[in-house]
Amino acid sequence: MITVLFYCTGKPGAEPQLAELLAKMQRLSRDEDRALAYTFMQEKENPSRWALFEQWRDPEHLGAHVANMKKHFGEPPAGARLPAQLHALVERSDYTFYQALA
């Protein structure tokens, strides 16, 4: 199993558009990509900050998810990692892969 924690900060004033886009991404990831877990959470004290908890069966499922995000939300701009629509609304982002305790 692959676990990813993703964090992003939206551009100033982009909170409504970012919330709408992340909700679409969440639905798609759960329905089409069959993520084991895929939940965006908005920080209470700073609504421009978001966290995502996601889990995938294996590298193939994660790879299919990444390809699907690009298909639905645009190829990342040169030098970027995020799909184009997300990249346009995000000021900064980071992600880390985790391994669960046995």
PDB file of N, CA and C in Angstrom:
ATOM      1  N   MET A   1       0.838  -1.172   0.000  1.00  0.00           N
ATOM      2  CA  MET A   1       0.000   0.000   0.000  1.00  0.00           C
ATOM      3  C   MET A   1       0.888   1.242   0.000  1.00  0.00           C
ATOM      4  N   ILE A   2       0.446   2.268  -0.720  1.00  0.00           N
ATOM      5  CA  ILE A   2       1.157   3.534  -0.797  1.00  0.00           C
ATOM      6  C   ILE A   2       0.312   4.607  -0.131  1.00  0.00           C
ATOM      7  N   THR A   3       0.903   5.332   0.804  1.00  0.00           N
ATOM      8  CA  THR A   3       0.231   6.438   1.481  1.00  0.00           C
ATOM      9  C   THR A   3       0.954   7.728   1.148  1.00  0.00           C
ATOM     10  N   VAL A   4       0.168   8.734   0.778  1.00  0.00           N
ATOM     11  CA  VAL A   4       0.722  10.036   0.419  1.00  0.00           C
ATOM     12  C   VAL A   4       0.014  11.105   1.236  1.00  0.00           C
ATOM     13  N   LEU A   5       0.789  12.032   1.784  1.00  0.00           N
ATOM     14  CA  LEU A   5       0.238  13.237   2.385  1.00  0.00           C
ATOM     15  C   LEU A   5       0.654  14.394   1.494  1.00  0.00           C
ATOM     16  N   PHE A   6      -0.333  15.135   1.028  1.00  0.00           N
ATOM     17  CA  PHE A   6      -0.116  16.263   0.126  1.00  0.00           C
ATOM     18  C   PHE A   6      -0.619  17.521   0.819  1.00  0.00           C
ATOM     19  N   TYR A   7       0.144  18.587   0.725  1.00  0.00           N
ATOM     20  CA  TYR A   7      -0.234  19.862   1.320  1.00  0.00           C
ATOM     21  C   TYR A   7      -0.166  20.933   0.248  1.00  0.00           C
ATOM     22  N   CYS A   8      -1.123  21.871   0.292  1.00  0.00           N
ATOM     23  CA  CYS A   8      -1.041  22.994  -0.628  1.00  0.00           C
ATOM     24  C   CYS A   8      -1.633  24.242   0.016  1.00  0.00           C
ATOM     25  N   THR A   9      -1.157  25.372  -0.468  1.00  0.00           N
ATOM     26  CA  THR A   9      -1.659  26.671  -0.054  1.00  0.00           C
ATOM     27  C   THR A   9      -2.196  27.357  -1.296  1.00  0.00           C
ATOM     28  N   GLY A  10      -3.457  27.762  -1.224  1.00  0.00           N
ATOM     29  CA  GLY A  10      -4.075  28.434  -2.358  1.00  0.00           C
ATOM     30  C   GLY A  10      -3.593  29.862  -2.502  1.00  0.00           C
ATOM     31  N   LYS A  11      -3.692  30.361  -3.705  1.00  0.00           N
ATOM     32  CA  LYS A  11      -3.361  31.756  -3.957  1.00  0.00           C
ATOM     33  C   LYS A  11      -4.390  32.643  -3.251  1.00  0.00           C
ATOM     34  N   PRO A  12      -4.005  33.835  -2.835  1.00  0.00           N
ATOM     35  CA  PRO A  12      -4.938  34.724  -2.147  1.00  0.00           C
ATOM     36  C   PRO A  12      -6.220  34.946  -2.955  1.00  0.00           C
ATOM     37  N   GLY A  13      -7.347  34.757  -2.288  1.00  0.00           N
ATOM     38  CA  GLY A  13      -8.645  34.946  -2.917  1.00  0.00           C
ATOM     39  C   GLY A  13      -9.149  33.769  -3.725  1.00  0.00           C
ATOM     40  N   ALA A  14      -8.356  32.702  -3.840  1.00  0.00           N
ATOM     41  CA  ALA A  14      -8.733  31.553  -4.673  1.00  0.00           C
ATOM     42  C   ALA A  14      -9.467  30.460  -3.895  1.00  0.00           C
ATOM     43  N   GLU A  15      -9.771  30.704  -2.616  1.00  0.00           N
ATOM     44  CA  GLU A  15     -10.361  29.652  -1.781  1.00  0.00           C
ATOM     45  C   GLU A  15     -11.623  29.021  -2.380  1.00  0.00           C
ATOM     46  N   PRO A  16     -12.615  29.814  -2.859  1.00  0.00           N
ATOM     47  CA  PRO A  16     -13.822  29.177  -3.402  1.00  0.00           C
ATOM     48  C   PRO A  16     -13.547  28.301  -4.623  1.00  0.00           C
ATOM     49  N   GLN A  17     -12.731  28.800  -5.550  1.00  0.00           N
ATOM     50  CA  GLN A  17     -12.415  28.019  -6.755  1.00  0.00           C
ATOM     51  C   GLN A  17     -11.600  26.784  -6.404  1.00  0.00           C
ATOM     52  N   LEU A  18     -10.676  26.928  -5.472  1.00  0.00           N
ATOM     53  CA  LEU A  18      -9.849  25.797  -5.072  1.00  0.00           C
ATOM     54  C   LEU A  18     -10.694  24.739  -4.380  1.00  0.00           C
ATOM     55  N   ALA A  19     -11.601  25.150  -3.504  1.00  0.00           N
ATOM     56  CA  ALA A  19     -12.486  24.191  -2.826  1.00  0.00           C
ATOM     57  C   ALA A  19     -13.321  23.416  -3.840  1.00  0.00           C
ATOM     58  N   GLU A  20     -13.828  24.097  -4.845  1.00  0.00           N
ATOM     59  CA  GLU A  20     -14.629  23.439  -5.884  1.00  0.00           C
ATOM     60  C   GLU A  20     -13.792  22.443  -6.678  1.00  0.00           C
ATOM     61  N   LEU A  21     -12.593  22.846  -7.054  1.00  0.00           N
ATOM     62  CA  LEU A  21     -11.714  21.964  -7.819  1.00  0.00           C
ATOM     63  C   LEU A  21     -11.301  20.747  -6.994  1.00  0.00           C
ATOM     64  N   LEU A  22     -10.932  20.943  -5.737  1.00  0.00           N
ATOM     65  CA  LEU A  22     -10.513  19.823  -4.890  1.00  0.00           C
ATOM     66  C   LEU A  22     -11.656  18.852  -4.662  1.00  0.00           C
ATOM     67  N   ALA A  23     -12.888  19.359  -4.550  1.00  0.00           N
ATOM     68  CA  ALA A  23     -14.049  18.473  -4.414  1.00  0.00           C
ATOM     69  C   ALA A  23     -14.219  17.605  -5.659  1.00  0.00           C
ATOM     70  N   LYS A  24     -14.022  18.193  -6.846  1.00  0.00           N
ATOM     71  CA  LYS A  24     -14.094  17.426  -8.094  1.00  0.00           C
ATOM     72  C   LYS A  24     -12.999  16.363  -8.130  1.00  0.00           C
ATOM     73  N   MET A  25     -11.802  16.755  -7.748  1.00  0.00           N
ATOM     74  CA  MET A  25     -10.682  15.811  -7.750  1.00  0.00           C
ATOM     75  C   MET A  25     -10.940  14.669  -6.777  1.00  0.00           C
ATOM     76  N   GLN A  26     -11.503  14.987  -5.638  1.00  0.00           N
ATOM     77  CA  GLN A  26     -11.803  13.968  -4.635  1.00  0.00           C
ATOM     78  C   GLN A  26     -12.835  12.974  -5.159  1.00  0.00           C
ATOM     79  N   ARG A  27     -13.918  13.477  -5.758  1.00  0.00           N
ATOM     80  CA  ARG A  27     -14.951  12.579  -6.309  1.00  0.00           C
ATOM     81  C   ARG A  27     -14.370  11.677  -7.389  1.00  0.00           C
ATOM     82  N   LEU A  28     -13.621  12.260  -8.297  1.00  0.00           N
ATOM     83  CA  LEU A  28     -13.030  11.500  -9.396  1.00  0.00           C
ATOM     84  C   LEU A  28     -12.076  10.430  -8.875  1.00  0.00           C
ATOM     85  N   SER A  29     -11.255  10.790  -7.909  1.00  0.00           N
ATOM     86  CA  SER A  29     -10.271   9.850  -7.365  1.00  0.00           C
ATOM     87  C   SER A  29     -10.946   8.689  -6.652  1.00  0.00           C
ATOM     88  N   ARG A  30     -12.026   8.973  -5.974  1.00  0.00           N
ATOM     89  CA  ARG A  30     -12.746   7.907  -5.273  1.00  0.00           C
ATOM     90  C   ARG A  30     -13.541   7.036  -6.246  1.00  0.00           C
ATOM     91  N   ASP A  31     -14.203   7.678  -7.214  1.00  0.00           N
ATOM     92  CA  ASP A  31     -15.089   6.939  -8.125  1.00  0.00           C
ATOM     93  C   ASP A  31     -14.339   6.239  -9.254  1.00  0.00           C
ATOM     94  N   GLU A  32     -13.564   6.996 -10.022  1.00  0.00           N
ATOM     95  CA  GLU A  32     -12.903   6.429 -11.198  1.00  0.00           C
ATOM     96  C   GLU A  32     -11.598   5.717 -10.856  1.00  0.00           C
ATOM     97  N   ASP A  33     -10.800   6.337  -9.997  1.00  0.00           N
ATOM     98  CA  ASP A  33      -9.468   5.791  -9.716  1.00  0.00           C
ATOM     99  C   ASP A  33      -9.485   4.757  -8.595  1.00  0.00           C
ATOM    100  N   ARG A  34     -10.587   4.658  -7.895  1.00  0.00           N
ATOM    101  CA  ARG A  34     -10.784   3.684  -6.806  1.00  0.00           C
ATOM    102  C   ARG A  34      -9.670   3.755  -5.757  1.00  0.00           C
ATOM    103  N   ALA A  35      -9.429   4.965  -5.293  1.00  0.00           N
ATOM    104  CA  ALA A  35      -8.460   5.153  -4.213  1.00  0.00           C
ATOM    105  C   ALA A  35      -8.961   4.441  -2.961  1.00  0.00           C
ATOM    106  N   LEU A  36      -8.050   3.879  -2.196  1.00  0.00           N
ATOM    107  CA  LEU A  36      -8.428   3.285  -0.909  1.00  0.00           C
ATOM    108  C   LEU A  36      -8.857   4.387   0.050  1.00  0.00           C
ATOM    109  N   ALA A  37      -8.187   5.525  -0.029  1.00  0.00           N
ATOM    110  CA  ALA A  37      -8.547   6.718   0.751  1.00  0.00           C
ATOM    111  C   ALA A  37      -8.119   7.925  -0.063  1.00  0.00           C
ATOM    112  N   TYR A  38      -8.953   8.962  -0.048  1.00  0.00           N
ATOM    113  CA  TYR A  38      -8.621  10.194  -0.761  1.00  0.00           C
ATOM    114  C   TYR A  38      -9.489  11.291  -0.181  1.00  0.00           C
ATOM    115  N   THR A  39      -8.947  12.030   0.778  1.00  0.00           N
ATOM    116  CA  THR A  39      -9.729  13.032   1.495  1.00  0.00           C
ATOM    117  C   THR A  39      -8.957  14.336   1.619  1.00  0.00           C
ATOM    118  N   PHE A  40      -9.533  15.394   1.043  1.00  0.00           N
ATOM    119  CA  PHE A  40      -8.990  16.731   1.220  1.00  0.00           C
ATOM    120  C   PHE A  40      -9.562  17.326   2.495  1.00  0.00           C
ATOM    121  N   MET A  41      -8.736  18.070   3.208  1.00  0.00           N
ATOM    122  CA  MET A  41      -9.153  18.729   4.442  1.00  0.00           C
ATOM    123  C   MET A  41      -8.655  20.162   4.408  1.00  0.00           C
ATOM    124  N   GLN A  42      -9.548  21.094   4.774  1.00  0.00           N
ATOM    125  CA  GLN A  42      -9.197  22.516   4.804  1.00  0.00           C
ATOM    126  C   GLN A  42      -8.827  22.904   6.231  1.00  0.00           C
ATOM    127  N   GLU A  43      -7.719  23.623   6.377  1.00  0.00           N
ATOM    128  CA  GLU A  43      -7.269  24.037   7.699  1.00  0.00           C
ATOM    129  C   GLU A  43      -8.259  25.051   8.283  1.00  0.00           C
ATOM    130  N   LYS A  44      -8.659  24.832   9.534  1.00  0.00           N
ATOM    131  CA  LYS A  44      -9.643  25.706  10.176  1.00  0.00           C
ATOM    132  C   LYS A  44      -9.123  27.118  10.395  1.00  0.00           C
ATOM    133  N   GLU A  45      -7.905  27.253  10.851  1.00  0.00           N
ATOM    134  CA  GLU A  45      -7.353  28.566  11.187  1.00  0.00           C
ATOM    135  C   GLU A  45      -6.867  29.350   9.965  1.00  0.00           C
ATOM    136  N   ASN A  46      -6.587  28.638   8.881  1.00  0.00           N
ATOM    137  CA  ASN A  46      -6.093  29.287   7.674  1.00  0.00           C
ATOM    138  C   ASN A  46      -6.744  28.602   6.470  1.00  0.00           C
ATOM    139  N   PRO A  47      -7.904  29.091   6.017  1.00  0.00           N
ATOM    140  CA  PRO A  47      -8.664  28.407   4.968  1.00  0.00           C
ATOM    141  C   PRO A  47      -7.986  28.338   3.608  1.00  0.00           C
ATOM    142  N   SER A  48      -6.849  28.989   3.442  1.00  0.00           N
ATOM    143  CA  SER A  48      -6.131  28.868   2.172  1.00  0.00           C
ATOM    144  C   SER A  48      -5.236  27.627   2.156  1.00  0.00           C
ATOM    145  N   ARG A  49      -5.108  26.950   3.311  1.00  0.00           N
ATOM    146  CA  ARG A  49      -4.233  25.770   3.406  1.00  0.00           C
ATOM    147  C   ARG A  49      -5.061  24.490   3.404  1.00  0.00           C
ATOM    148  N   TRP A  50      -4.577  23.519   2.669  1.00  0.00           N
ATOM    149  CA  TRP A  50      -5.266  22.238   2.504  1.00  0.00           C
ATOM    150  C   TRP A  50      -4.291  21.090   2.734  1.00  0.00           C
ATOM    151  N   ALA A  51      -4.845  19.971   3.174  1.00  0.00           N
ATOM    152  CA  ALA A  51      -4.078  18.728   3.284  1.00  0.00           C
ATOM    153  C   ALA A  51      -4.882  17.637   2.586  1.00  0.00           C
ATOM    154  N   LEU A  52      -4.195  16.685   2.018  1.00  0.00           N
ATOM    155  CA  LEU A  52      -4.822  15.537   1.367  1.00  0.00           C
ATOM    156  C   LEU A  52      -4.188  14.275   1.932  1.00  0.00           C
ATOM    157  N   PHE A  53      -5.035  13.341   2.370  1.00  0.00           N
ATOM    158  CA  PHE A  53      -4.602  12.009   2.785  1.00  0.00           C
ATOM    159  C   PHE A  53      -5.066  11.064   1.694  1.00  0.00           C
ATOM    160  N   GLU A  54      -4.114  10.358   1.073  1.00  0.00           N
ATOM    161  CA  GLU A  54      -4.485   9.420   0.007  1.00  0.00           C
ATOM    162  C   GLU A  54      -3.747   8.101   0.171  1.00  0.00           C
ATOM    163  N   GLN A  55      -4.432   7.026  -0.179  1.00  0.00           N
ATOM    164  CA  GLN A  55      -3.833   5.686  -0.143  1.00  0.00           C
ATOM    165  C   GLN A  55      -4.207   4.934  -1.408  1.00  0.00           C
ATOM    166  N   TRP A  56      -3.207   4.180  -1.912  1.00  0.00           N
ATOM    167  CA  TRP A  56      -3.343   3.421  -3.157  1.00  0.00           C
ATOM    168  C   TRP A  56      -2.869   2.000  -2.937  1.00  0.00           C
ATOM    169  N   ARG A  57      -3.448   1.070  -3.679  1.00  0.00           N
ATOM    170  CA  ARG A  57      -3.090  -0.346  -3.545  1.00  0.00           C
ATOM    171  C   ARG A  57      -1.621  -0.593  -3.893  1.00  0.00           C
ATOM    172  N   ASP A  58      -1.169   0.042  -4.993  1.00  0.00           N
ATOM    173  CA  ASP A  58       0.169  -0.237  -5.503  1.00  0.00           C
ATOM    174  C   ASP A  58       0.596   0.879  -6.447  1.00  0.00           C
ATOM    175  N   PRO A  59       1.842   0.840  -6.919  1.00  0.00           N
ATOM    176  CA  PRO A  59       2.320   1.901  -7.813  1.00  0.00           C
ATOM    177  C   PRO A  59       1.498   2.035  -9.097  1.00  0.00           C
ATOM    178  N   GLU A  60       0.953   0.940  -9.595  1.00  0.00           N
ATOM    179  CA  GLU A  60       0.159   0.987 -10.818  1.00  0.00           C
ATOM    180  C   GLU A  60      -1.113   1.810 -10.617  1.00  0.00           C
ATOM    181  N   HIS A  61      -1.802   1.625  -9.481  1.00  0.00           N
ATOM    182  CA  HIS A  61      -3.008   2.404  -9.196  1.00  0.00           C
ATOM    183  C   HIS A  61      -2.674   3.886  -9.032  1.00  0.00           C
ATOM    184  N   LEU A  62      -1.580   4.181  -8.360  1.00  0.00           N
ATOM    185  CA  LEU A  62      -1.167   5.574  -8.193  1.00  0.00           C
ATOM    186  C   LEU A  62      -0.813   6.189  -9.550  1.00  0.00           C
ATOM    187  N   GLY A  63      -0.094   5.453 -10.376  1.00  0.00           N
ATOM    188  CA  GLY A  63       0.262   5.948 -11.705  1.00  0.00           C
ATOM    189  C   GLY A  63      -0.960   6.218 -12.566  1.00  0.00           C
ATOM    190  N   ALA A  64      -1.952   5.329 -12.505  1.00  0.00           N
ATOM    191  CA  ALA A  64      -3.196   5.534 -13.254  1.00  0.00           C
ATOM    192  C   ALA A  64      -3.926   6.778 -12.749  1.00  0.00           C
ATOM    193  N   HIS A  65      -3.890   6.999 -11.448  1.00  0.00           N
ATOM    194  CA  HIS A  65      -4.513   8.185 -10.864  1.00  0.00           C
ATOM    195  C   HIS A  65      -3.839   9.457 -11.384  1.00  0.00           C
ATOM    196  N   VAL A  66      -2.520   9.494 -11.381  1.00  0.00           N
ATOM    197  CA  VAL A  66      -1.787  10.667 -11.852  1.00  0.00           C
ATOM    198  C   VAL A  66      -2.140  10.951 -13.320  1.00  0.00           C
ATOM    199  N   ALA A  67      -2.184   9.916 -14.134  1.00  0.00           N
ATOM    200  CA  ALA A  67      -2.539  10.079 -15.548  1.00  0.00           C
ATOM    201  C   ALA A  67      -3.977  10.597 -15.690  1.00  0.00           C
ATOM    202  N   ASN A  68      -4.880  10.102 -14.871  1.00  0.00           N
ATOM    203  CA  ASN A  68      -6.274  10.531 -14.921  1.00  0.00           C
ATOM    204  C   ASN A  68      -6.425  11.989 -14.500  1.00  0.00           C
ATOM    205  N   MET A  69      -5.656  12.412 -13.501  1.00  0.00           N
ATOM    206  CA  MET A  69      -5.709  13.810 -13.070  1.00  0.00           C
ATOM    207  C   MET A  69      -5.244  14.731 -14.194  1.00  0.00           C
ATOM    208  N   LYS A  70      -4.205  14.326 -14.903  1.00  0.00           N
ATOM    209  CA  LYS A  70      -3.709  15.121 -16.025  1.00  0.00           C
ATOM    210  C   LYS A  70      -4.751  15.187 -17.140  1.00  0.00           C
ATOM    211  N   LYS A  71      -5.399  14.057 -17.383  1.00  0.00           N
ATOM    212  CA  LYS A  71      -6.412  13.994 -18.442  1.00  0.00           C
ATOM    213  C   LYS A  71      -7.578  14.931 -18.141  1.00  0.00           C
ATOM    214  N   HIS A  72      -8.045  14.937 -16.905  1.00  0.00           N
ATOM    215  CA  HIS A  72      -9.227  15.721 -16.537  1.00  0.00           C
ATOM    216  C   HIS A  72      -8.909  17.180 -16.193  1.00  0.00           C
ATOM    217  N   PHE A  73      -7.712  17.440 -15.670  1.00  0.00           N
ATOM    218  CA  PHE A  73      -7.417  18.774 -15.150  1.00  0.00           C
ATOM    219  C   PHE A  73      -6.219  19.447 -15.825  1.00  0.00           C
ATOM    220  N   GLY A  74      -5.731  18.862 -16.899  1.00  0.00           N
ATOM    221  CA  GLY A  74      -4.700  19.498 -17.711  1.00  0.00           C
ATOM    222  C   GLY A  74      -3.289  19.061 -17.376  1.00  0.00           C
ATOM    223  N   GLU A  75      -2.479  18.975 -18.420  1.00  0.00           N
ATOM    224  CA  GLU A  75      -1.056  18.651 -18.254  1.00  0.00           C
ATOM    225  C   GLU A  75      -0.377  19.745 -17.428  1.00  0.00           C
ATOM    226  N   PRO A  76       0.510  19.369 -16.537  1.00  0.00           N
ATOM    227  CA  PRO A  76       1.231  20.382 -15.764  1.00  0.00           C
ATOM    228  C   PRO A  76       2.025  21.311 -16.675  1.00  0.00           C
ATOM    229  N   PRO A  77       2.104  22.588 -16.310  1.00  0.00           N
ATOM    230  CA  PRO A  77       2.976  23.490 -17.069  1.00  0.00           C
ATOM    231  C   PRO A  77       4.428  23.011 -16.970  1.00  0.00           C
ATOM    232  N   ALA A  78       5.263  23.483 -17.861  1.00  0.00           N
ATOM    233  CA  ALA A  78       6.673  23.091 -17.861  1.00  0.00           C
ATOM    234  C   ALA A  78       7.294  23.307 -16.484  1.00  0.00           C
ATOM    235  N   GLY A  79       7.940  22.270 -15.974  1.00  0.00           N
ATOM    236  CA  GLY A  79       8.618  22.332 -14.685  1.00  0.00           C
ATOM    237  C   GLY A  79       7.711  22.166 -13.474  1.00  0.00           C
ATOM    238  N   ALA A  80       6.413  21.999 -13.682  1.00  0.00           N
ATOM    239  CA  ALA A  80       5.465  21.847 -12.572  1.00  0.00           C
ATOM    240  C   ALA A  80       5.047  20.387 -12.424  1.00  0.00           C
ATOM    241  N   ARG A  81       4.505  20.045 -11.257  1.00  0.00           N
ATOM    242  CA  ARG A  81       4.042  18.673 -11.004  1.00  0.00           C
ATOM    243  C   ARG A  81       2.526  18.580 -10.953  1.00  0.00           C
ATOM    244  N   LEU A  82       1.860  19.685 -10.644  1.00  0.00           N
ATOM    245  CA  LEU A  82       0.410  19.663 -10.457  1.00  0.00           C
ATOM    246  C   LEU A  82      -0.328  19.823 -11.776  1.00  0.00           C
ATOM    247  N   PRO A  83      -1.497  19.177 -11.920  1.00  0.00           N
ATOM    248  CA  PRO A  83      -2.308  19.406 -13.113  1.00  0.00           C
ATOM    249  C   PRO A  83      -2.551  20.908 -13.307  1.00  0.00           C
ATOM    250  N   ALA A  84      -2.689  21.335 -14.545  1.00  0.00           N
ATOM    251  CA  ALA A  84      -2.752  22.757 -14.896  1.00  0.00           C
ATOM    252  C   ALA A  84      -3.797  23.530 -14.084  1.00  0.00           C
ATOM    253  N   GLN A  85      -5.013  22.996 -13.951  1.00  0.00           N
ATOM    254  CA  GLN A  85      -6.068  23.721 -13.231  1.00  0.00           C
ATOM    255  C   GLN A  85      -5.710  23.910 -11.762  1.00  0.00           C
ATOM    256  N   LEU A  86      -5.110  22.903 -11.158  1.00  0.00           N
ATOM    257  CA  LEU A  86      -4.705  23.010  -9.753  1.00  0.00           C
ATOM    258  C   LEU A  86      -3.515  23.958  -9.629  1.00  0.00           C
ATOM    259  N   HIS A  87      -2.568  23.822 -10.520  1.00  0.00           N
ATOM    260  CA  HIS A  87      -1.376  24.680 -10.504  1.00  0.00           C
ATOM    261  C   HIS A  87      -1.768  26.161 -10.545  1.00  0.00           C
ATOM    262  N   ALA A  88      -2.800  26.484 -11.317  1.00  0.00           N
ATOM    263  CA  ALA A  88      -3.224  27.876 -11.474  1.00  0.00           C
ATOM    264  C   ALA A  88      -3.772  28.476 -10.184  1.00  0.00           C
ATOM    265  N   LEU A  89      -4.249  27.636  -9.260  1.00  0.00           N
ATOM    266  CA  LEU A  89      -4.873  28.122  -8.026  1.00  0.00           C
ATOM    267  C   LEU A  89      -3.990  27.992  -6.792  1.00  0.00           C
ATOM    268  N   VAL A  90      -2.842  27.322  -6.933  1.00  0.00           N
ATOM    269  CA  VAL A  90      -2.006  26.999  -5.777  1.00  0.00           C
ATOM    270  C   VAL A  90      -0.731  27.832  -5.772  1.00  0.00           C
ATOM    271  N   GLU A  91      -0.445  28.388  -4.613  1.00  0.00           N
ATOM    272  CA  GLU A  91       0.767  29.183  -4.419  1.00  0.00           C
ATOM    273  C   GLU A  91       1.981  28.292  -4.175  1.00  0.00           C
ATOM    274  N   ARG A  92       1.788  27.244  -3.352  1.00  0.00           N
ATOM    275  CA  ARG A  92       2.866  26.284  -3.101  1.00  0.00           C
ATOM    276  C   ARG A  92       2.254  24.946  -2.687  1.00  0.00           C
ATOM    277  N   SER A  93       3.055  23.892  -2.882  1.00  0.00           N
ATOM    278  CA  SER A  93       2.584  22.545  -2.534  1.00  0.00           C
ATOM    279  C   SER A  93       3.769  21.652  -2.201  1.00  0.00           C
ATOM    280  N   ASP A  94       3.453  20.561  -1.523  1.00  0.00           N
ATOM    281  CA  ASP A  94       4.470  19.589  -1.150  1.00  0.00           C
ATOM    282  C   ASP A  94       3.769  18.260  -0.877  1.00  0.00           C
ATOM    283  N   TYR A  95       4.472  17.188  -1.097  1.00  0.00           N
ATOM    284  CA  TYR A  95       3.907  15.879  -0.759  1.00  0.00           C
ATOM    285  C   TYR A  95       5.016  14.969  -0.260  1.00  0.00           C
ATOM    286  N   THR A  96       4.600  13.974   0.529  1.00  0.00           N
ATOM    287  CA  THR A  96       5.529  13.005   1.089  1.00  0.00           C
ATOM    288  C   THR A  96       4.887  11.628   1.046  1.00  0.00           C
ATOM    289  N   PHE A  97       5.689  10.617   0.717  1.00  0.00           N
ATOM    290  CA  PHE A  97       5.226   9.223   0.737  1.00  0.00           C
ATOM    291  C   PHE A  97       5.525   8.644   2.113  1.00  0.00           C
ATOM    292  N   TYR A  98       4.595   7.840   2.611  1.00  0.00           N
ATOM    293  CA  TYR A  98       4.737   7.234   3.934  1.00  0.00           C
ATOM    294  C   TYR A  98       4.543   5.725   3.849  1.00  0.00           C
ATOM    295  N   GLN A  99       5.131   5.055   4.825  1.00  0.00           N
ATOM    296  CA  GLN A  99       4.963   3.614   4.970  1.00  0.00           C
ATOM    297  C   GLN A  99       4.324   3.367   6.324  1.00  0.00           C
ATOM    298  N   ALA A 100       3.246   2.597   6.347  1.00  0.00           N
ATOM    299  CA  ALA A 100       2.540   2.319   7.591  1.00  0.00           C
ATOM    300  C   ALA A 100       3.344   1.374   8.474  1.00  0.00           C
ATOM    301  N   LEU A 101       3.172   1.521   9.761  1.00  0.00           N
ATOM    302  CA  LEU A 101       3.799   0.586  10.711  1.00  0.00           C
ATOM    303  C   LEU A 101       3.154  -0.793  10.537  1.00  0.00           C
ATOM    304  N   ALA A 102       3.972  -1.794  10.641  1.00  0.00           N
ATOM    305  CA  ALA A 102       3.461  -3.168  10.488  1.00  0.00           C
ATOM    306  C   ALA A 102       2.845  -3.644  11.799  1.00  0.00           C
TER     307      ALA A 102
END
